[in-house]
Amino acid sequence: YDGDRPVKSFSVGTGKDESKTPEGEFKIINKLEEPWYRAQDIPGGDPTNPLGSHWLGLSVPGTDGTTYGIHGTNDPSTIGKYVSLGCIRMNNSGVKWLYQNIPLETSVHITNK
């Protein structure tokens, strides 16, 4: 949004169980290009990396912006489904647009409605 005017919208994939994606008001607290997937030790840029091309870390309480985020994917067929471990998954082109256009400290409102 720019004020009350929507600028762009994106399709996403969220938590396998709706409750896995945290709901509330958060801020983008870090941004990474070619993020490393620590859970399976997959380097950024590797085509098997499920985090895709970019990461926007969220200020979910009790985390440091590396647990929950908005990120790309290496499997575009998962967009529009409940598939993640709680993150918001996007096509790489969409998350790249956000990465380039949304500054740190941008507010993010997550709801299941």
N, C-alpha and C. Protein backbone atom coordinates (compact mmCIF):
# COMPACT_ATOMS: atom_id res chain seq x y z
N TYR A 1 0.83 -1.20 0.00
CA TYR A 1 0.00 0.00 0.00
C TYR A 1 0.87 1.25 0.00
N ASP A 2 0.37 2.27 -0.64
CA ASP A 2 0.91 3.62 -0.53
C ASP A 2 -0.23 4.42 0.11
N GLY A 3 -0.13 4.63 1.43
CA GLY A 3 -1.26 5.18 2.16
C GLY A 3 -2.37 4.16 2.17
N ASP A 4 -3.54 4.51 1.65
CA ASP A 4 -4.66 3.57 1.56
C ASP A 4 -4.78 2.93 0.18
N ARG A 5 -3.89 3.28 -0.72
CA ARG A 5 -3.96 2.81 -2.10
C ARG A 5 -3.11 1.55 -2.30
N PRO A 6 -3.75 0.43 -2.71
CA PRO A 6 -2.95 -0.76 -3.01
C PRO A 6 -2.02 -0.51 -4.19
N VAL A 7 -0.78 -0.93 -4.08
CA VAL A 7 0.22 -0.75 -5.14
C VAL A 7 0.41 -2.05 -5.91
N LYS A 8 0.47 -3.16 -5.20
CA LYS A 8 0.77 -4.44 -5.83
C LYS A 8 0.22 -5.55 -4.93
N SER A 9 -0.15 -6.66 -5.52
CA SER A 9 -0.57 -7.82 -4.73
C SER A 9 0.14 -9.06 -5.27
N PHE A 10 0.27 -10.05 -4.41
CA PHE A 10 1.01 -11.26 -4.75
C PHE A 10 0.28 -12.48 -4.20
N SER A 11 0.38 -13.59 -4.88
CA SER A 11 -0.08 -14.88 -4.35
C SER A 11 1.03 -15.43 -3.48
N VAL A 12 0.64 -16.14 -2.42
CA VAL A 12 1.62 -16.68 -1.49
C VAL A 12 1.25 -18.11 -1.09
N GLY A 13 2.20 -18.79 -0.49
CA GLY A 13 1.97 -20.06 0.19
C GLY A 13 2.28 -19.82 1.65
N THR A 14 1.52 -20.44 2.55
CA THR A 14 1.74 -20.23 3.99
C THR A 14 1.87 -21.58 4.69
N GLY A 15 1.84 -21.56 6.02
CA GLY A 15 2.08 -22.74 6.84
C GLY A 15 1.19 -23.93 6.52
N LYS A 16 1.79 -25.13 6.60
CA LYS A 16 1.07 -26.38 6.33
C LYS A 16 -0.22 -26.45 7.14
N ASP A 17 -0.16 -25.97 8.33
CA ASP A 17 -1.33 -25.82 9.20
C ASP A 17 -1.49 -24.32 9.35
N GLU A 18 -2.68 -23.79 9.16
CA GLU A 18 -2.88 -22.34 9.19
C GLU A 18 -2.27 -21.70 10.43
N SER A 19 -2.23 -22.41 11.55
CA SER A 19 -1.70 -21.83 12.79
C SER A 19 -0.18 -21.72 12.79
N LYS A 20 0.49 -22.33 11.82
CA LYS A 20 1.96 -22.27 11.81
C LYS A 20 2.50 -20.93 11.33
N THR A 21 1.75 -20.19 10.54
CA THR A 21 2.18 -18.87 10.12
C THR A 21 1.72 -17.87 11.18
N PRO A 22 2.66 -17.15 11.80
CA PRO A 22 2.25 -16.23 12.87
C PRO A 22 1.37 -15.11 12.33
N GLU A 23 0.35 -14.76 13.10
CA GLU A 23 -0.53 -13.66 12.72
C GLU A 23 -0.22 -12.45 13.59
N GLY A 24 -0.37 -11.27 13.02
CA GLY A 24 -0.18 -10.05 13.78
C GLY A 24 0.53 -8.99 12.96
N GLU A 25 1.02 -7.99 13.67
CA GLU A 25 1.76 -6.87 13.07
C GLU A 25 3.25 -7.09 13.32
N PHE A 26 4.02 -7.08 12.26
CA PHE A 26 5.46 -7.28 12.36
C PHE A 26 6.17 -6.23 11.51
N LYS A 27 7.48 -6.21 11.59
CA LYS A 27 8.29 -5.34 10.73
C LYS A 27 9.31 -6.20 10.01
N ILE A 28 9.73 -5.74 8.84
CA ILE A 28 10.83 -6.38 8.13
C ILE A 28 12.11 -5.91 8.81
N ILE A 29 12.86 -6.85 9.40
CA ILE A 29 14.05 -6.46 10.16
C ILE A 29 15.36 -6.88 9.51
N ASN A 30 15.31 -7.70 8.48
CA ASN A 30 16.51 -8.00 7.71
C ASN A 30 16.13 -8.42 6.30
N LYS A 31 17.06 -8.25 5.41
CA LYS A 31 16.86 -8.59 4.00
C LYS A 31 18.11 -9.31 3.51
N LEU A 32 17.90 -10.45 2.88
CA LEU A 32 19.02 -11.24 2.38
C LEU A 32 18.80 -11.61 0.92
N GLU A 33 19.85 -11.51 0.14
CA GLU A 33 19.84 -11.99 -1.22
C GLU A 33 20.51 -13.36 -1.21
N GLU A 34 19.92 -14.33 -1.90
CA GLU A 34 20.41 -15.71 -1.92
C GLU A 34 20.63 -16.24 -0.50
N PRO A 35 19.54 -16.34 0.28
CA PRO A 35 19.66 -16.80 1.67
C PRO A 35 20.10 -18.26 1.78
N TRP A 36 20.86 -18.55 2.82
CA TRP A 36 21.32 -19.90 3.13
C TRP A 36 20.18 -20.60 3.86
N TYR A 37 19.89 -21.86 3.50
CA TYR A 37 18.86 -22.63 4.20
C TYR A 37 19.56 -23.47 5.26
N ARG A 38 19.58 -22.93 6.48
CA ARG A 38 20.34 -23.55 7.58
C ARG A 38 19.82 -24.93 7.97
N ALA A 39 18.50 -25.14 7.91
CA ALA A 39 17.91 -26.41 8.36
C ALA A 39 18.50 -27.61 7.62
N GLN A 40 18.85 -27.43 6.36
CA GLN A 40 19.43 -28.54 5.59
C GLN A 40 20.79 -28.18 5.01
N ASP A 41 21.38 -27.09 5.49
CA ASP A 41 22.71 -26.65 5.07
C ASP A 41 22.83 -26.53 3.54
N ILE A 42 21.86 -25.83 2.94
CA ILE A 42 21.85 -25.62 1.49
C ILE A 42 22.24 -24.17 1.22
N PRO A 43 23.33 -23.94 0.51
CA PRO A 43 23.77 -22.57 0.27
C PRO A 43 22.80 -21.75 -0.58
N GLY A 44 22.85 -20.45 -0.40
CA GLY A 44 22.07 -19.54 -1.23
C GLY A 44 22.50 -19.68 -2.68
N GLY A 45 21.54 -19.57 -3.58
CA GLY A 45 21.83 -19.71 -5.01
C GLY A 45 21.75 -21.13 -5.52
N ASP A 46 21.74 -22.11 -4.61
CA ASP A 46 21.63 -23.52 -5.01
C ASP A 46 20.19 -23.76 -5.49
N PRO A 47 19.99 -24.39 -6.65
CA PRO A 47 18.63 -24.60 -7.16
C PRO A 47 17.76 -25.48 -6.25
N THR A 48 18.35 -26.21 -5.32
CA THR A 48 17.57 -27.04 -4.40
C THR A 48 17.19 -26.27 -3.12
N ASN A 49 17.62 -25.02 -3.01
CA ASN A 49 17.32 -24.23 -1.81
C ASN A 49 15.85 -23.80 -1.83
N PRO A 50 15.05 -24.25 -0.83
CA PRO A 50 13.63 -23.93 -0.83
C PRO A 50 13.32 -22.47 -0.49
N LEU A 51 14.32 -21.68 -0.09
CA LEU A 51 14.08 -20.28 0.24
C LEU A 51 14.13 -19.37 -0.98
N GLY A 52 14.48 -19.91 -2.12
CA GLY A 52 14.49 -19.11 -3.34
C GLY A 52 15.54 -18.03 -3.33
N SER A 53 15.24 -16.93 -4.02
CA SER A 53 16.25 -15.91 -4.30
C SER A 53 16.43 -14.84 -3.23
N HIS A 54 15.40 -14.57 -2.42
CA HIS A 54 15.47 -13.46 -1.47
C HIS A 54 14.71 -13.80 -0.18
N TRP A 55 15.10 -13.12 0.89
CA TRP A 55 14.49 -13.31 2.22
C TRP A 55 14.23 -11.94 2.84
N LEU A 56 13.03 -11.76 3.39
CA LEU A 56 12.68 -10.58 4.17
C LEU A 56 12.29 -11.10 5.55
N GLY A 57 13.17 -10.92 6.54
CA GLY A 57 12.94 -11.46 7.88
C GLY A 57 11.96 -10.63 8.67
N LEU A 58 11.09 -11.31 9.41
CA LEU A 58 10.03 -10.65 10.17
C LEU A 58 10.35 -10.62 11.67
N SER A 59 9.87 -9.57 12.32
CA SER A 59 10.14 -9.33 13.74
C SER A 59 9.18 -10.10 14.64
N VAL A 60 9.01 -11.38 14.40
CA VAL A 60 8.15 -12.20 15.24
C VAL A 60 8.81 -12.31 16.61
N PRO A 61 8.09 -12.03 17.70
CA PRO A 61 8.69 -12.09 19.04
C PRO A 61 9.38 -13.42 19.31
N GLY A 62 10.53 -13.34 19.95
CA GLY A 62 11.30 -14.53 20.29
C GLY A 62 12.17 -15.04 19.16
N THR A 63 12.20 -14.31 18.04
CA THR A 63 13.05 -14.70 16.91
C THR A 63 13.94 -13.52 16.55
N ASP A 64 14.86 -13.72 15.67
CA ASP A 64 15.80 -12.65 15.29
C ASP A 64 15.68 -12.29 13.80
N GLY A 65 14.52 -12.55 13.23
CA GLY A 65 14.34 -12.27 11.81
C GLY A 65 14.85 -13.36 10.90
N THR A 66 15.27 -14.50 11.50
CA THR A 66 15.74 -15.62 10.68
C THR A 66 14.85 -16.84 10.80
N THR A 67 13.81 -16.78 11.62
CA THR A 67 12.91 -17.91 11.80
C THR A 67 11.70 -17.82 10.88
N TYR A 68 11.06 -16.65 10.85
CA TYR A 68 9.91 -16.42 10.00
C TYR A 68 10.21 -15.28 9.04
N GLY A 69 9.84 -15.49 7.78
CA GLY A 69 10.09 -14.45 6.80
C GLY A 69 9.21 -14.61 5.58
N ILE A 70 9.37 -13.66 4.70
CA ILE A 70 8.76 -13.69 3.38
C ILE A 70 9.90 -14.07 2.45
N HIS A 71 9.76 -15.15 1.71
CA HIS A 71 10.88 -15.61 0.87
C HIS A 71 10.39 -16.19 -0.44
N GLY A 72 11.32 -16.38 -1.33
CA GLY A 72 11.04 -17.00 -2.62
C GLY A 72 10.90 -18.50 -2.46
N THR A 73 10.90 -19.19 -3.58
CA THR A 73 10.78 -20.65 -3.55
C THR A 73 11.47 -21.27 -4.76
N ASN A 74 11.88 -22.51 -4.60
CA ASN A 74 12.41 -23.26 -5.74
C ASN A 74 11.32 -24.14 -6.36
N ASP A 75 10.08 -24.02 -5.84
CA ASP A 75 8.97 -24.82 -6.33
C ASP A 75 7.71 -23.95 -6.47
N PRO A 76 7.58 -23.23 -7.59
CA PRO A 76 6.44 -22.34 -7.79
C PRO A 76 5.07 -23.01 -7.69
N SER A 77 5.00 -24.33 -7.84
CA SER A 77 3.71 -25.02 -7.76
C SER A 77 3.14 -24.98 -6.34
N THR A 78 3.93 -24.58 -5.35
CA THR A 78 3.46 -24.53 -3.96
C THR A 78 2.76 -23.21 -3.62
N ILE A 79 2.82 -22.23 -4.50
CA ILE A 79 2.18 -20.94 -4.25
C ILE A 79 0.66 -21.13 -4.26
N GLY A 80 0.01 -20.52 -3.29
CA GLY A 80 -1.44 -20.64 -3.17
C GLY A 80 -1.87 -21.81 -2.30
N LYS A 81 -0.91 -22.45 -1.65
CA LYS A 81 -1.22 -23.63 -0.83
C LYS A 81 -0.66 -23.45 0.59
N TYR A 82 -1.12 -24.32 1.50
CA TYR A 82 -0.57 -24.39 2.85
C TYR A 82 0.59 -25.39 2.81
N VAL A 83 1.81 -24.89 2.71
CA VAL A 83 2.94 -25.78 2.45
C VAL A 83 4.17 -25.51 3.30
N SER A 84 4.32 -24.34 3.86
CA SER A 84 5.57 -23.97 4.52
C SER A 84 5.59 -24.40 5.98
N LEU A 85 6.70 -24.16 6.63
CA LEU A 85 6.83 -24.40 8.06
C LEU A 85 6.42 -23.16 8.85
N GLY A 86 5.79 -22.21 8.19
CA GLY A 86 5.31 -21.01 8.85
C GLY A 86 5.64 -19.73 8.12
N CYS A 87 6.59 -19.79 7.21
CA CYS A 87 6.96 -18.60 6.44
C CYS A 87 5.92 -18.30 5.37
N ILE A 88 6.06 -17.12 4.79
CA ILE A 88 5.24 -16.71 3.66
C ILE A 88 6.09 -16.92 2.41
N ARG A 89 5.66 -17.81 1.56
CA ARG A 89 6.41 -18.21 0.37
C ARG A 89 5.83 -17.49 -0.84
N MET A 90 6.71 -16.99 -1.70
CA MET A 90 6.29 -16.26 -2.90
C MET A 90 7.09 -16.73 -4.10
N ASN A 91 6.60 -16.40 -5.29
CA ASN A 91 7.43 -16.60 -6.48
C ASN A 91 8.66 -15.70 -6.36
N ASN A 92 9.76 -16.14 -6.90
CA ASN A 92 11.01 -15.37 -6.80
C ASN A 92 10.88 -13.97 -7.39
N SER A 93 10.14 -13.82 -8.47
CA SER A 93 10.00 -12.49 -9.07
C SER A 93 9.28 -11.54 -8.12
N GLY A 94 8.28 -12.03 -7.41
CA GLY A 94 7.54 -11.19 -6.47
C GLY A 94 8.37 -10.79 -5.26
N VAL A 95 9.08 -11.76 -4.67
CA VAL A 95 9.89 -11.42 -3.49
C VAL A 95 11.07 -10.54 -3.89
N LYS A 96 11.56 -10.69 -5.10
CA LYS A 96 12.63 -9.80 -5.57
C LYS A 96 12.10 -8.36 -5.68
N TRP A 97 10.86 -8.20 -6.17
CA TRP A 97 10.27 -6.87 -6.25
C TRP A 97 10.16 -6.25 -4.85
N LEU A 98 9.68 -7.05 -3.88
CA LEU A 98 9.59 -6.55 -2.50
C LEU A 98 10.97 -6.17 -1.98
N TYR A 99 11.94 -7.05 -2.19
CA TYR A 99 13.31 -6.81 -1.73
C TYR A 99 13.84 -5.47 -2.25
N GLN A 100 13.55 -5.19 -3.51
CA GLN A 100 14.06 -3.97 -4.14
C GLN A 100 13.25 -2.72 -3.79
N ASN A 101 12.00 -2.87 -3.39
CA ASN A 101 11.12 -1.72 -3.22
C ASN A 101 10.63 -1.46 -1.79
N ILE A 102 10.79 -2.41 -0.90
CA ILE A 102 10.28 -2.27 0.47
C ILE A 102 11.48 -2.10 1.41
N PRO A 103 11.54 -0.98 2.14
CA PRO A 103 12.68 -0.77 3.05
C PRO A 103 12.55 -1.54 4.36
N LEU A 104 13.67 -1.70 5.03
CA LEU A 104 13.66 -2.24 6.39
C LEU A 104 12.71 -1.42 7.24
N GLU A 105 12.15 -2.05 8.24
CA GLU A 105 11.19 -1.43 9.17
C GLU A 105 9.80 -1.25 8.57
N THR A 106 9.56 -1.75 7.34
CA THR A 106 8.22 -1.71 6.77
C THR A 106 7.31 -2.61 7.60
N SER A 107 6.11 -2.13 7.89
CA SER A 107 5.13 -2.91 8.64
C SER A 107 4.52 -3.98 7.76
N VAL A 108 4.29 -5.16 8.36
CA VAL A 108 3.67 -6.29 7.68
C VAL A 108 2.52 -6.77 8.56
N HIS A 109 1.34 -6.84 8.00
CA HIS A 109 0.16 -7.33 8.72
C HIS A 109 -0.19 -8.70 8.17
N ILE A 110 -0.16 -9.71 9.03
CA ILE A 110 -0.47 -11.08 8.62
C ILE A 110 -1.76 -11.52 9.29
N THR A 111 -2.70 -11.97 8.45
CA THR A 111 -3.97 -12.48 8.93
C THR A 111 -4.38 -13.67 8.08
N ASN A 112 -5.20 -14.55 8.61
CA ASN A 112 -5.63 -15.71 7.81
C ASN A 112 -6.95 -15.44 7.11
N LYS A 113 -7.38 -14.21 7.06
CA LYS A 113 -8.64 -13.86 6.40
C LYS A 113 -8.38 -13.30 5.02
